[in-house]
Protein backbone atom coordinates (compact mmCIF):
# COMPACT_ATOMS: atom_id res chain seq x y z
CA MET A 1 -46.24 -2.91 -40.43
CA ALA A 2 -44.92 -6.42 -39.88
CA SER A 3 -41.25 -5.59 -39.84
CA GLY A 4 -38.64 -8.19 -38.92
CA LYS A 5 -39.79 -8.41 -35.31
CA ARG A 6 -40.95 -12.01 -35.54
CA LYS A 7 -37.46 -13.38 -34.89
CA ASN A 8 -38.39 -14.11 -31.29
CA GLN A 9 -40.67 -17.09 -31.90
CA LYS A 10 -40.20 -18.30 -28.31
CA GLU A 11 -42.58 -15.82 -26.70
CA SER A 12 -46.01 -17.03 -25.69
CA PRO A 13 -49.13 -15.41 -27.17
CA GLU A 14 -49.59 -13.54 -23.89
CA GLU A 15 -46.02 -12.22 -24.00
CA GLU A 16 -46.43 -11.21 -27.63
CA LEU A 17 -49.67 -9.39 -26.79
CA ASP A 18 -48.03 -7.61 -23.86
CA ARG A 19 -45.18 -6.49 -26.12
CA LEU A 20 -47.54 -5.27 -28.83
CA LEU A 21 -49.65 -3.39 -26.28
CA ASP A 22 -46.50 -1.71 -24.98
CA GLU A 23 -45.65 -0.63 -28.53
CA LEU A 24 -49.09 0.97 -28.92
CA GLU A 25 -48.47 3.38 -26.02
CA LEU A 26 -52.05 3.10 -24.82
CA THR A 27 -53.64 5.44 -22.34
CA PRO A 28 -54.27 3.98 -18.86
CA GLU A 29 -57.98 3.80 -19.68
CA GLN A 30 -57.35 1.81 -22.86
CA ARG A 31 -54.95 -0.54 -21.10
CA GLU A 32 -57.44 -1.08 -18.27
CA PHE A 33 -60.18 -1.93 -20.78
CA ILE A 34 -57.95 -4.44 -22.60
CA GLU A 35 -56.85 -6.03 -19.32
CA SER A 36 -60.50 -6.42 -18.27
CA MET A 37 -61.29 -8.10 -21.59
CA ARG A 38 -58.35 -10.49 -21.21
CA GLU A 39 -59.42 -11.40 -17.67
CA ASP A 40 -63.01 -12.02 -18.78
CA LYS A 41 -61.86 -14.32 -21.56
CA SER A 42 -59.59 -16.39 -19.31
CA ASP A 43 -62.20 -16.74 -16.55
CA PRO A 44 -64.28 -19.88 -17.18
CA SER A 45 -66.90 -18.80 -14.62
CA SER A 46 -67.84 -15.78 -16.75
CA GLU A 47 -69.51 -17.89 -19.45
């Protein structure tokens, strides 16, 4: 599945994740779940 899309090495991990999520064509519920997980991980007060 890893076709030649890695040419753009300048994108941050967050940008790469956003692009990959867009390619998955998630339902709003799935996207909401993933966003909530990302927010939890980046929130130091949630530990």
